[in-house]
PDB file of N, CA and C in Angstrom:
ATOM      1  N   MET A   1       0.892  -1.303   0.045  1.00  0.00           N
ATOM      2  CA  MET A   1       0.123   0.007   0.009  1.00  0.00           C
ATOM      3  C   MET A   1       0.939   1.176  -0.042  1.00  0.00           C
ATOM      4  N   ASN A   2       0.848   2.103  -0.901  1.00  0.00           N
ATOM      5  CA  ASN A   2       1.652   3.232  -1.222  1.00  0.00           C
ATOM      6  C   ASN A   2       0.683   4.383  -0.482  1.00  0.00           C
ATOM      7  N   ILE A   3       1.513   5.658  -0.374  1.00  0.00           N
ATOM      8  CA  ILE A   3       0.760   6.662   0.485  1.00  0.00           C
ATOM      9  C   ILE A   3      -0.425   7.169  -0.336  1.00  0.00           C
ATOM     10  N   GLU A   4      -0.362   7.137  -1.709  1.00  0.00           N
ATOM     11  CA  GLU A   4      -1.675   7.538  -2.430  1.00  0.00           C
ATOM     12  C   GLU A   4      -2.929   6.718  -1.943  1.00  0.00           C
ATOM     13  N   GLU A   5      -2.551   5.323  -1.966  1.00  0.00           N
ATOM     14  CA  GLU A   5      -3.755   4.300  -1.733  1.00  0.00           C
ATOM     15  C   GLU A   5      -4.176   4.387  -0.376  1.00  0.00           C
ATOM     16  N   LEU A   6      -3.116   4.611   0.637  1.00  0.00           N
ATOM     17  CA  LEU A   6      -3.263   5.081   2.138  1.00  0.00           C
ATOM     18  C   LEU A   6      -4.303   6.138   2.207  1.00  0.00           C
ATOM     19  N   ARG A   7      -3.994   7.163   1.593  1.00  0.00           N
ATOM     20  CA  ARG A   7      -4.706   8.491   1.697  1.00  0.00           C
ATOM     21  C   ARG A   7      -6.052   8.263   1.095  1.00  0.00           C
ATOM     22  N   ASP A   8      -6.328   7.678  -0.084  1.00  0.00           N
ATOM     23  CA  ASP A   8      -7.669   7.392  -0.443  1.00  0.00           C
ATOM     24  C   ASP A   8      -8.485   6.483   0.342  1.00  0.00           C
ATOM     25  N   TYR A   9      -7.850   5.560   0.931  1.00  0.00           N
ATOM     26  CA  TYR A   9      -8.620   4.821   1.824  1.00  0.00           C
ATOM     27  C   TYR A   9      -9.041   5.413   3.159  1.00  0.00           C
ATOM     28  N   CYS A  10      -8.066   6.323   3.625  1.00  0.00           N
ATOM     29  CA  CYS A  10      -8.616   6.926   4.788  1.00  0.00           C
ATOM     30  C   CYS A  10      -9.478   8.027   4.702  1.00  0.00           C
ATOM     31  N   LEU A  11      -9.562   8.588   3.412  1.00  0.00           N
ATOM     32  CA  LEU A  11     -10.305  10.008   2.964  1.00  0.00           C
ATOM     33  C   LEU A  11     -11.809   9.458   2.737  1.00  0.00           C
ATOM     34  N   GLY A  12     -11.614   8.016   2.331  1.00  0.00           N
ATOM     35  CA  GLY A  12     -12.914   7.412   2.031  1.00  0.00           C
ATOM     36  C   GLY A  12     -13.902   7.109   3.180  1.00  0.00           C
ATOM     37  N   LYS A  13     -13.476   7.223   4.274  1.00  0.00           N
ATOM     38  CA  LYS A  13     -14.233   6.942   5.391  1.00  0.00           C
ATOM     39  C   LYS A  13     -15.017   8.259   5.954  1.00  0.00           C
ATOM     40  N   PRO A  14     -16.343   7.940   6.593  1.00  0.00           N
ATOM     41  CA  PRO A  14     -17.115   9.276   6.979  1.00  0.00           C
ATOM     42  C   PRO A  14     -16.275  10.140   7.869  1.00  0.00           C
ATOM     43  N   ALA A  15     -16.365  11.510   7.801  1.00  0.00           N
ATOM     44  CA  ALA A  15     -15.906  12.489   8.632  1.00  0.00           C
ATOM     45  C   ALA A  15     -14.490  12.618   8.817  1.00  0.00           C
ATOM     46  N   VAL A  16     -13.763  11.960   7.952  1.00  0.00           N
ATOM     47  CA  VAL A  16     -12.467  11.973   8.043  1.00  0.00           C
ATOM     48  C   VAL A  16     -11.701  13.199   7.390  1.00  0.00           C
ATOM     49  N   THR A  17     -10.642  13.803   7.965  1.00  0.00           N
ATOM     50  CA  THR A  17      -9.884  14.921   7.659  1.00  0.00           C
ATOM     51  C   THR A  17      -8.515  14.539   7.437  1.00  0.00           C
ATOM     52  N   GLU A  18      -7.518  15.398   6.524  1.00  0.00           N
ATOM     53  CA  GLU A  18      -6.228  15.155   6.758  1.00  0.00           C
ATOM     54  C   GLU A  18      -5.427  16.631   6.977  1.00  0.00           C
ATOM     55  N   SER A  19      -4.619  16.428   7.731  1.00  0.00           N
ATOM     56  CA  SER A  19      -3.732  17.670   8.116  1.00  0.00           C
ATOM     57  C   SER A  19      -2.392  17.377   8.399  1.00  0.00           C
ATOM     58  N   PHE A  20      -1.626  18.468   8.550  1.00  0.00           N
ATOM     59  CA  PHE A  20      -0.058  18.249   8.835  1.00  0.00           C
ATOM     60  C   PHE A  20       0.401  18.886  10.169  1.00  0.00           C
ATOM     61  N   PRO A  21      -0.431  18.763  11.415  1.00  0.00           N
ATOM     62  CA  PRO A  21      -0.112  19.456  12.536  1.00  0.00           C
ATOM     63  C   PRO A  21       1.151  19.166  13.271  1.00  0.00           C
ATOM     64  N   PHE A  22       2.007  18.345  12.766  1.00  0.00           N
ATOM     65  CA  PHE A  22       3.272  17.954  13.365  1.00  0.00           C
ATOM     66  C   PHE A  22       4.397  18.390  12.275  1.00  0.00           C
ATOM     67  N   GLY A  23       4.211  19.021  11.408  1.00  0.00           N
ATOM     68  CA  GLY A  23       5.221  19.517  10.334  1.00  0.00           C
ATOM     69  C   GLY A  23       4.994  18.991   8.958  1.00  0.00           C
ATOM     70  N   GLU A  24       5.515  19.403   8.122  1.00  0.00           N
ATOM     71  CA  GLU A  24       5.142  19.100   6.522  1.00  0.00           C
ATOM     72  C   GLU A  24       5.349  17.623   6.205  1.00  0.00           C
ATOM     73  N   ASP A  25       5.978  16.834   6.884  1.00  0.00           N
ATOM     74  CA  ASP A  25       6.327  15.590   6.530  1.00  0.00           C
ATOM     75  C   ASP A  25       5.463  14.420   7.127  1.00  0.00           C
ATOM     76  N   THR A  26       4.460  14.919   8.097  1.00  0.00           N
ATOM     77  CA  THR A  26       3.751  13.844   8.749  1.00  0.00           C
ATOM     78  C   THR A  26       2.132  14.258   8.524  1.00  0.00           C
ATOM     79  N   LEU A  27       1.603  13.217   7.894  1.00  0.00           N
ATOM     80  CA  LEU A  27       0.232  13.290   7.454  1.00  0.00           C
ATOM     81  C   LEU A  27      -0.732  12.629   8.419  1.00  0.00           C
ATOM     82  N   VAL A  28      -1.575  13.385   8.972  1.00  0.00           N
ATOM     83  CA  VAL A  28      -2.471  12.856   9.896  1.00  0.00           C
ATOM     84  C   VAL A  28      -3.822  12.887   9.550  1.00  0.00           C
ATOM     85  N   PHE A  29      -4.476  11.696   9.806  1.00  0.00           N
ATOM     86  CA  PHE A  29      -5.942  11.494   9.538  1.00  0.00           C
ATOM     87  C   PHE A  29      -6.746  11.399  10.713  1.00  0.00           C
ATOM     88  N   LYS A  30      -7.820  12.449  10.695  1.00  0.00           N
ATOM     89  CA  LYS A  30      -8.752  12.183  11.980  1.00  0.00           C
ATOM     90  C   LYS A  30     -10.130  11.972  11.658  1.00  0.00           C
ATOM     91  N   VAL A  31     -10.890  11.639  12.590  1.00  0.00           N
ATOM     92  CA  VAL A  31     -12.329  11.474  12.520  1.00  0.00           C
ATOM     93  C   VAL A  31     -12.801  12.262  13.482  1.00  0.00           C
ATOM     94  N   ALA A  32     -13.560  13.300  13.043  1.00  0.00           N
ATOM     95  CA  ALA A  32     -14.213  14.270  13.973  1.00  0.00           C
ATOM     96  C   ALA A  32     -13.228  14.928  14.850  1.00  0.00           C
ATOM     97  N   GLY A  33     -12.071  15.373  14.277  1.00  0.00           N
ATOM     98  CA  GLY A  33     -10.959  15.790  15.028  1.00  0.00           C
ATOM     99  C   GLY A  33     -10.114  15.079  15.926  1.00  0.00           C
ATOM    100  N   LYS A  34     -10.227  13.827  15.916  1.00  0.00           N
ATOM    101  CA  LYS A  34      -9.514  12.896  16.780  1.00  0.00           C
ATOM    102  C   LYS A  34      -8.791  11.867  15.833  1.00  0.00           C
ATOM    103  N   VAL A  35      -7.563  11.799  16.025  1.00  0.00           N
ATOM    104  CA  VAL A  35      -6.350  11.086  15.180  1.00  0.00           C
ATOM    105  C   VAL A  35      -6.760   9.759  15.331  1.00  0.00           C
ATOM    106  N   PHE A  36      -6.742   9.177  14.075  1.00  0.00           N
ATOM    107  CA  PHE A  36      -6.665   7.464  14.084  1.00  0.00           C
ATOM    108  C   PHE A  36      -5.571   6.980  13.204  1.00  0.00           C
ATOM    109  N   LEU A  37      -4.740   7.774  12.478  1.00  0.00           N
ATOM    110  CA  LEU A  37      -3.618   7.409  11.718  1.00  0.00           C
ATOM    111  C   LEU A  37      -2.632   8.470  11.392  1.00  0.00           C
ATOM    112  N   LEU A  38      -1.539   8.216  11.475  1.00  0.00           N
ATOM    113  CA  LEU A  38      -0.350   9.175  11.188  1.00  0.00           C
ATOM    114  C   LEU A  38       0.733   8.378  10.202  1.00  0.00           C
ATOM    115  N   THR A  39       1.357   9.144   9.408  1.00  0.00           N
ATOM    116  CA  THR A  39       2.179   8.473   8.531  1.00  0.00           C
ATOM    117  C   THR A  39       3.122   9.619   7.972  1.00  0.00           C
ATOM    118  N   GLY A  40       4.420   9.227   7.902  1.00  0.00           N
ATOM    119  CA  GLY A  40       5.438  10.235   7.298  1.00  0.00           C
ATOM    120  C   GLY A  40       5.303   9.915   5.768  1.00  0.00           C
ATOM    121  N   LEU A  41       5.327  11.022   5.096  1.00  0.00           N
ATOM    122  CA  LEU A  41       5.111  11.215   3.540  1.00  0.00           C
ATOM    123  C   LEU A  41       6.264  10.189   2.953  1.00  0.00           C
ATOM    124  N   ASP A  42       7.449  10.100   3.301  1.00  0.00           N
ATOM    125  CA  ASP A  42       8.376   9.118   2.651  1.00  0.00           C
ATOM    126  C   ASP A  42       8.601   8.094   3.535  1.00  0.00           C
ATOM    127  N   SER A  43       7.827   7.634   4.473  1.00  0.00           N
ATOM    128  CA  SER A  43       8.002   6.409   5.283  1.00  0.00           C
ATOM    129  C   SER A  43       7.011   5.261   4.774  1.00  0.00           C
ATOM    130  N   PRO A  44       7.565   4.147   4.965  1.00  0.00           N
ATOM    131  CA  PRO A  44       6.840   2.712   4.472  1.00  0.00           C
ATOM    132  C   PRO A  44       6.275   2.228   5.681  1.00  0.00           C
ATOM    133  N   SER A  45       5.500   3.201   6.607  1.00  0.00           N
ATOM    134  CA  SER A  45       4.834   2.602   7.618  1.00  0.00           C
ATOM    135  C   SER A  45       3.879   3.692   8.024  1.00  0.00           C
ATOM    136  N   PHE A  46       2.977   3.318   8.933  1.00  0.00           N
ATOM    137  CA  PHE A  46       2.025   4.343   9.416  1.00  0.00           C
ATOM    138  C   PHE A  46       1.790   3.836  11.057  1.00  0.00           C
ATOM    139  N   ASN A  47       1.298   4.894  11.818  1.00  0.00           N
ATOM    140  CA  ASN A  47       0.936   4.530  13.041  1.00  0.00           C
ATOM    141  C   ASN A  47      -0.735   4.524  13.318  1.00  0.00           C
ATOM    142  N   VAL A  48      -1.299   3.324  13.967  1.00  0.00           N
ATOM    143  CA  VAL A  48      -2.685   3.118  14.145  1.00  0.00           C
ATOM    144  C   VAL A  48      -3.012   2.893  15.553  1.00  0.00           C
ATOM    145  N   LYS A  49      -4.194   3.338  15.902  1.00  0.00           N
ATOM    146  CA  LYS A  49      -4.656   3.072  17.430  1.00  0.00           C
ATOM    147  C   LYS A  49      -5.026   1.520  17.412  1.00  0.00           C
ATOM    148  N   CYS A  50      -5.025   0.841  18.395  1.00  0.00           N
ATOM    149  CA  CYS A  50      -5.243  -0.492  18.499  1.00  0.00           C
ATOM    150  C   CYS A  50      -5.652  -0.806  19.846  1.00  0.00           C
ATOM    151  N   ASP A  51      -6.544  -1.733  19.908  1.00  0.00           N
ATOM    152  CA  ASP A  51      -7.011  -2.530  21.250  1.00  0.00           C
ATOM    153  C   ASP A  51      -5.688  -3.111  21.815  1.00  0.00           C
ATOM    154  N   PRO A  52      -5.706  -2.700  23.048  1.00  0.00           N
ATOM    155  CA  PRO A  52      -4.213  -3.124  23.838  1.00  0.00           C
ATOM    156  C   PRO A  52      -3.924  -4.555  23.711  1.00  0.00           C
ATOM    157  N   GLU A  53      -4.850  -5.529  23.741  1.00  0.00           N
ATOM    158  CA  GLU A  53      -4.803  -6.971  23.601  1.00  0.00           C
ATOM    159  C   GLU A  53      -4.430  -7.417  22.144  1.00  0.00           C
ATOM    160  N   TRP A  54      -5.319  -6.795  21.304  1.00  0.00           N
ATOM    161  CA  TRP A  54      -4.807  -7.087  19.950  1.00  0.00           C
ATOM    162  C   TRP A  54      -3.697  -6.425  19.340  1.00  0.00           C
ATOM    163  N   ALA A  55      -3.134  -5.409  20.151  1.00  0.00           N
ATOM    164  CA  ALA A  55      -1.874  -4.815  19.588  1.00  0.00           C
ATOM    165  C   ALA A  55      -0.628  -5.865  19.954  1.00  0.00           C
ATOM    166  N   VAL A  56      -0.743  -6.489  21.094  1.00  0.00           N
ATOM    167  CA  VAL A  56       0.316  -7.384  21.374  1.00  0.00           C
ATOM    168  C   VAL A  56       0.290  -8.621  20.734  1.00  0.00           C
ATOM    169  N   GLU A  57      -0.878  -9.160  20.399  1.00  0.00           N
ATOM    170  CA  GLU A  57      -1.250 -10.313  19.601  1.00  0.00           C
ATOM    171  C   GLU A  57      -0.545  -9.942  18.011  1.00  0.00           C
ATOM    172  N   LEU A  58      -0.824  -8.687  17.499  1.00  0.00           N
ATOM    173  CA  LEU A  58      -0.320  -8.458  16.085  1.00  0.00           C
ATOM    174  C   LEU A  58       1.412  -8.454  16.193  1.00  0.00           C
ATOM    175  N   ARG A  59       1.836  -7.861  17.335  1.00  0.00           N
ATOM    176  CA  ARG A  59       3.372  -7.698  17.487  1.00  0.00           C
ATOM    177  C   ARG A  59       3.878  -9.136  17.375  1.00  0.00           C
ATOM    178  N   GLU A  60       3.380  -9.892  18.191  1.00  0.00           N
ATOM    179  CA  GLU A  60       3.898 -11.202  18.323  1.00  0.00           C
ATOM    180  C   GLU A  60       3.747 -11.925  16.931  1.00  0.00           C
ATOM    181  N   GLN A  61       2.848 -11.799  16.242  1.00  0.00           N
ATOM    182  CA  GLN A  61       2.471 -12.555  14.950  1.00  0.00           C
ATOM    183  C   GLN A  61       3.223 -11.859  13.728  1.00  0.00           C
ATOM    184  N   TYR A  62       3.574 -10.637  13.753  1.00  0.00           N
ATOM    185  CA  TYR A  62       4.170  -9.943  12.652  1.00  0.00           C
ATOM    186  C   TYR A  62       5.204  -9.300  12.930  1.00  0.00           C
ATOM    187  N   SER A  63       6.250  -9.463  12.472  1.00  0.00           N
ATOM    188  CA  SER A  63       7.420  -8.663  12.482  1.00  0.00           C
ATOM    189  C   SER A  63       7.330  -7.067  12.059  1.00  0.00           C
ATOM    190  N   GLU A  64       6.382  -6.907  11.020  1.00  0.00           N
ATOM    191  CA  GLU A  64       5.967  -5.643  10.578  1.00  0.00           C
ATOM    192  C   GLU A  64       5.337  -4.857  11.676  1.00  0.00           C
ATOM    193  N   VAL A  65       4.653  -5.239  12.613  1.00  0.00           N
ATOM    194  CA  VAL A  65       3.951  -4.474  13.585  1.00  0.00           C
ATOM    195  C   VAL A  65       4.680  -4.289  14.923  1.00  0.00           C
ATOM    196  N   LEU A  66       5.088  -3.090  15.170  1.00  0.00           N
ATOM    197  CA  LEU A  66       5.817  -2.755  16.424  1.00  0.00           C
ATOM    198  C   LEU A  66       4.992  -1.744  17.218  1.00  0.00           C
ATOM    199  N   PRO A  67       5.495  -1.639  18.695  1.00  0.00           N
ATOM    200  CA  PRO A  67       4.850  -0.698  19.278  1.00  0.00           C
ATOM    201  C   PRO A  67       5.002   0.749  18.667  1.00  0.00           C
ATOM    202  N   GLY A  68       4.045   1.498  18.815  1.00  0.00           N
ATOM    203  CA  GLY A  68       3.828   2.855  18.166  1.00  0.00           C
ATOM    204  C   GLY A  68       4.805   3.651  18.404  1.00  0.00           C
ATOM    205  N   PHE A  69       5.782   4.164  17.313  1.00  0.00           N
ATOM    206  CA  PHE A  69       6.818   5.093  17.416  1.00  0.00           C
ATOM    207  C   PHE A  69       6.336   6.447  17.842  1.00  0.00           C
ATOM    208  N   HIS A  70       6.819   6.943  18.899  1.00  0.00           N
ATOM    209  CA  HIS A  70       6.595   8.189  19.381  1.00  0.00           C
ATOM    210  C   HIS A  70       4.997   8.333  19.753  1.00  0.00           C
ATOM    211  N   MET A  71       4.380   7.319  20.456  1.00  0.00           N
ATOM    212  CA  MET A  71       3.056   7.288  20.681  1.00  0.00           C
ATOM    213  C   MET A  71       2.869   6.281  22.039  1.00  0.00           C
ATOM    214  N   ASN A  72       1.790   6.411  22.457  1.00  0.00           N
ATOM    215  CA  ASN A  72       1.443   5.492  23.716  1.00  0.00           C
ATOM    216  C   ASN A  72       1.548   3.942  23.130  1.00  0.00           C
ATOM    217  N   LYS A  73       2.564   3.376  23.670  1.00  0.00           N
ATOM    218  CA  LYS A  73       2.858   2.099  23.162  1.00  0.00           C
ATOM    219  C   LYS A  73       1.753   0.868  23.423  1.00  0.00           C
ATOM    220  N   LYS A  74       0.924   1.269  24.575  1.00  0.00           N
ATOM    221  CA  LYS A  74      -0.173   0.395  24.868  1.00  0.00           C
ATOM    222  C   LYS A  74      -1.183   0.510  23.867  1.00  0.00           C
ATOM    223  N   HIS A  75      -1.503   1.563  23.255  1.00  0.00           N
ATOM    224  CA  HIS A  75      -2.799   1.922  22.534  1.00  0.00           C
ATOM    225  C   HIS A  75      -2.260   2.067  20.889  1.00  0.00           C
ATOM    226  N   TRP A  76      -1.193   2.075  20.514  1.00  0.00           N
ATOM    227  CA  TRP A  76      -0.736   2.488  19.175  1.00  0.00           C
ATOM    228  C   TRP A  76       0.425   1.458  18.755  1.00  0.00           C
ATOM    229  N   ASN A  77       0.131   1.107  17.363  1.00  0.00           N
ATOM    230  CA  ASN A  77       1.199   0.252  16.770  1.00  0.00           C
ATOM    231  C   ASN A  77       1.694   1.083  15.672  1.00  0.00           C
ATOM    232  N   THR A  78       3.083   0.900  15.346  1.00  0.00           N
ATOM    233  CA  THR A  78       3.635   1.245  13.974  1.00  0.00           C
ATOM    234  C   THR A  78       3.548  -0.058  13.144  1.00  0.00           C
ATOM    235  N   VAL A  79       2.908   0.204  11.787  1.00  0.00           N
ATOM    236  CA  VAL A  79       2.811  -0.965  10.907  1.00  0.00           C
ATOM    237  C   VAL A  79       3.685  -0.481   9.648  1.00  0.00           C
ATOM    238  N   HIS A  80       4.634  -1.441   9.407  1.00  0.00           N
ATOM    239  CA  HIS A  80       5.333  -1.157   8.366  1.00  0.00           C
ATOM    240  C   HIS A  80       4.584  -2.012   7.003  1.00  0.00           C
ATOM    241  N   THR A  81       4.501  -1.124   5.991  1.00  0.00           N
ATOM    242  CA  THR A  81       3.847  -1.549   4.785  1.00  0.00           C
ATOM    243  C   THR A  81       4.777  -2.343   3.636  1.00  0.00           C
ATOM    244  N   ASP A  82       6.075  -2.489   3.835  1.00  0.00           N
ATOM    245  CA  ASP A  82       6.860  -2.901   2.965  1.00  0.00           C
ATOM    246  C   ASP A  82       7.255  -4.508   3.218  1.00  0.00           C
ATOM    247  N   GLY A  83       6.436  -5.228   4.022  1.00  0.00           N
ATOM    248  CA  GLY A  83       7.010  -6.502   4.389  1.00  0.00           C
ATOM    249  C   GLY A  83       5.890  -7.523   3.866  1.00  0.00           C
ATOM    250  N   ALA A  84       5.431  -8.515   4.631  1.00  0.00           N
ATOM    251  CA  ALA A  84       4.607  -9.682   4.451  1.00  0.00           C
ATOM    252  C   ALA A  84       3.184  -9.282   4.419  1.00  0.00           C
ATOM    253  N   LEU A  85       2.721  -8.133   5.187  1.00  0.00           N
ATOM    254  CA  LEU A  85       1.274  -8.000   5.304  1.00  0.00           C
ATOM    255  C   LEU A  85       0.688  -7.599   3.933  1.00  0.00           C
ATOM    256  N   THR A  86      -0.683  -8.050   3.774  1.00  0.00           N
ATOM    257  CA  THR A  86      -1.168  -7.794   2.697  1.00  0.00           C
ATOM    258  C   THR A  86      -2.097  -6.537   2.920  1.00  0.00           C
ATOM    259  N   ASN A  87      -2.452  -5.916   1.533  1.00  0.00           N
ATOM    260  CA  ASN A  87      -3.487  -4.744   1.571  1.00  0.00           C
ATOM    261  C   ASN A  87      -4.656  -5.060   2.454  1.00  0.00           C
ATOM    262  N   LYS A  88      -5.057  -6.321   2.280  1.00  0.00           N
ATOM    263  CA  LYS A  88      -6.326  -6.395   3.170  1.00  0.00           C
ATOM    264  C   LYS A  88      -5.967  -6.230   4.540  1.00  0.00           C
ATOM    265  N   GLN A  89      -4.918  -6.863   5.285  1.00  0.00           N
ATOM    266  CA  GLN A  89      -4.599  -6.876   6.410  1.00  0.00           C
ATOM    267  C   GLN A  89      -4.301  -5.482   6.906  1.00  0.00           C
ATOM    268  N   LEU A  90      -3.565  -4.786   6.075  1.00  0.00           N
ATOM    269  CA  LEU A  90      -3.460  -3.402   6.426  1.00  0.00           C
ATOM    270  C   LEU A  90      -4.639  -2.469   6.578  1.00  0.00           C
ATOM    271  N   ARG A  91      -5.563  -2.720   5.780  1.00  0.00           N
ATOM    272  CA  ARG A  91      -6.992  -2.070   5.700  1.00  0.00           C
ATOM    273  C   ARG A  91      -7.817  -2.510   7.164  1.00  0.00           C
ATOM    274  N   GLU A  92      -7.785  -3.674   7.306  1.00  0.00           N
ATOM    275  CA  GLU A  92      -8.172  -4.168   8.673  1.00  0.00           C
ATOM    276  C   GLU A  92      -7.621  -3.415   9.807  1.00  0.00           C
ATOM    277  N   MET A  93      -6.419  -3.219   9.966  1.00  0.00           N
ATOM    278  CA  MET A  93      -5.821  -2.264  10.995  1.00  0.00           C
ATOM    279  C   MET A  93      -6.271  -0.784  10.900  1.00  0.00           C
ATOM    280  N   ILE A  94      -6.346  -0.257   9.869  1.00  0.00           N
ATOM    281  CA  ILE A  94      -6.897   0.970   9.635  1.00  0.00           C
ATOM    282  C   ILE A  94      -8.383   0.984  10.090  1.00  0.00           C
ATOM    283  N   ASP A  95      -8.993   0.185   9.744  1.00  0.00           N
ATOM    284  CA  ASP A  95     -10.480   0.104  10.115  1.00  0.00           C
ATOM    285  C   ASP A  95     -10.730   0.166  11.391  1.00  0.00           C
ATOM    286  N   HIS A  96      -9.942  -0.872  11.990  1.00  0.00           N
ATOM    287  CA  HIS A  96      -9.995  -0.848  13.470  1.00  0.00           C
ATOM    288  C   HIS A  96      -9.567   0.290  14.309  1.00  0.00           C
ATOM    289  N   SER A  97      -8.503   0.917  14.027  1.00  0.00           N
ATOM    290  CA  SER A  97      -8.276   2.133  14.352  1.00  0.00           C
ATOM    291  C   SER A  97      -9.466   3.163  14.240  1.00  0.00           C
ATOM    292  N   TYR A  98      -9.961   3.232  12.931  1.00  0.00           N
ATOM    293  CA  TYR A  98     -10.937   4.281  12.743  1.00  0.00           C
ATOM    294  C   TYR A  98     -12.329   3.981  13.695  1.00  0.00           C
ATOM    295  N   ASN A  99     -12.508   2.737  13.835  1.00  0.00           N
ATOM    296  CA  ASN A  99     -13.653   2.275  14.532  1.00  0.00           C
ATOM    297  C   ASN A  99     -13.529   2.542  16.185  1.00  0.00           C
ATOM    298  N   LEU A 100     -12.177   2.132  16.604  1.00  0.00           N
ATOM    299  CA  LEU A 100     -12.062   2.703  17.965  1.00  0.00           C
ATOM    300  C   LEU A 100     -12.264   4.103  18.237  1.00  0.00           C
ATOM    301  N   VAL A 101     -11.725   4.871  17.425  1.00  0.00           N
ATOM    302  CA  VAL A 101     -11.662   6.284  17.634  1.00  0.00           C
ATOM    303  C   VAL A 101     -13.099   6.896  17.499  1.00  0.00           C
ATOM    304  N   PHE A 102     -13.906   6.229  16.343  1.00  0.00           N
ATOM    305  CA  PHE A 102     -15.376   6.535  16.177  1.00  0.00           C
ATOM    306  C   PHE A 102     -16.096   6.180  17.430  1.00  0.00           C
ATOM    307  N   ALA A 103     -15.905   5.029  17.962  1.00  0.00           N
ATOM    308  CA  ALA A 103     -16.769   4.661  19.206  1.00  0.00           C
ATOM    309  C   ALA A 103     -16.447   5.420  20.341  1.00  0.00           C
ATOM    310  N   SER A 104     -15.344   6.261  20.558  1.00  0.00           N
ATOM    311  CA  SER A 104     -15.061   7.063  21.456  1.00  0.00           C
ATOM    312  C   SER A 104     -15.874   8.610  21.484  1.00  0.00           C
ATOM    313  N   LEU A 105     -16.369   8.631  20.286  1.00  0.00           N
ATOM    314  CA  LEU A 105     -16.974  10.045  20.080  1.00  0.00           C
ATOM    315  C   LEU A 105     -18.344  10.273  20.767  1.00  0.00           C
ATOM    316  N   PRO A 106     -18.687  11.284  21.175  1.00  0.00           N
ATOM    317  CA  PRO A 106     -20.054  11.229  21.628  1.00  0.00           C
ATOM    318  C   PRO A 106     -21.183  10.530  20.819  1.00  0.00           C
ATOM    319  N   LYS A 107     -22.179   9.907  21.416  1.00  0.00           N
ATOM    320  CA  LYS A 107     -23.121   9.259  20.708  1.00  0.00           C
ATOM    321  C   LYS A 107     -24.061  10.349  19.655  1.00  0.00           C
ATOM    322  N   LYS A 108     -24.192  11.495  20.206  1.00  0.00           N
ATOM    323  CA  LYS A 108     -24.767  12.448  19.163  1.00  0.00           C
ATOM    324  C   LYS A 108     -24.053  12.942  17.784  1.00  0.00           C
ATOM    325  N   LEU A 109     -22.805  12.858  17.952  1.00  0.00           N
ATOM    326  CA  LEU A 109     -21.776  13.071  16.819  1.00  0.00           C
ATOM    327  C   LEU A 109     -21.736  11.636  16.025  1.00  0.00           C
ATOM    328  N   GLN A 110     -21.712  10.568  16.747  1.00  0.00           N
ATOM    329  CA  GLN A 110     -21.572   9.263  15.908  1.00  0.00           C
ATOM    330  C   GLN A 110     -23.090   9.420  14.923  1.00  0.00           C
ATOM    331  N   ALA A 111     -23.918   9.725  15.605  1.00  0.00           N
ATOM    332  CA  ALA A 111     -25.431   9.597  14.744  1.00  0.00           C
ATOM    333  C   ALA A 111     -25.272  10.646  13.709  1.00  0.00           C
ATOM    334  N   GLU A 112     -24.812  11.951  14.079  1.00  0.00           N
ATOM    335  CA  GLU A 112     -24.834  12.773  12.963  1.00  0.00           C
ATOM    336  C   GLU A 112     -23.760  12.345  11.901  1.00  0.00           C
ATOM    337  N   ILE A 113     -22.679  11.660  12.146  1.00  0.00           N
ATOM    338  CA  ILE A 113     -21.753  11.361  11.068  1.00  0.00           C
ATOM    339  C   ILE A 113     -22.419   9.932  10.340  1.00  0.00           C
ATOM    340  N   ASN A 114     -23.224   9.129  11.093  1.00  0.00           N
ATOM    341  CA  ASN A 114     -23.827   8.161  10.486  1.00  0.00           C
ATOM    342  C   ASN A 114     -24.934   8.653   9.470  1.00  0.00           C
ATOM    343  N   ASN A 115     -25.510   9.904   9.904  1.00  0.00           N
ATOM    344  CA  ASN A 115     -26.606   9.918   8.933  1.00  0.00           C
ATOM    345  C   ASN A 115     -26.225  11.163   7.911  1.00  0.00           C
ATOM    346  N   GLY A 116     -24.922  11.377   7.780  1.00  0.00           N
ATOM    347  CA  GLY A 116     -24.391  12.190   6.628  1.00  0.00           C
ATOM    348  C   GLY A 116     -24.395  13.640   6.968  1.00  0.00           C
ATOM    349  N   ASN A 117     -24.545  14.018   8.117  1.00  0.00           N
ATOM    350  CA  ASN A 117     -24.608  15.581   8.550  1.00  0.00           C
ATOM    351  C   ASN A 117     -23.235  15.981   8.951  1.00  0.00           C
TER     352      ASN A 117
END
């Protein structure tokens, strides 16, 4: 998955915005203002939020999944995209991160997003 594919996939989700709050080299995707994915423009990896138990399982199962670089290592993984992980697996991790962040939003905001407002 290259940066264009990653960007298109993330922006295809409801209420997602992109920005560069940490400098011109770090692309950040947010749902309703909350971060769910960060990536360096020239990096073959991204950071995603993850359920702590699943985060450990993924790290044990795949050498491409590491504790989140410059992030809370309990809740974030760094995922390298230049290894054995398939695009389907990468999308699953992105979806999981998006869904975790979405679920943390107020119910009213979730309903507004689900209704397309």
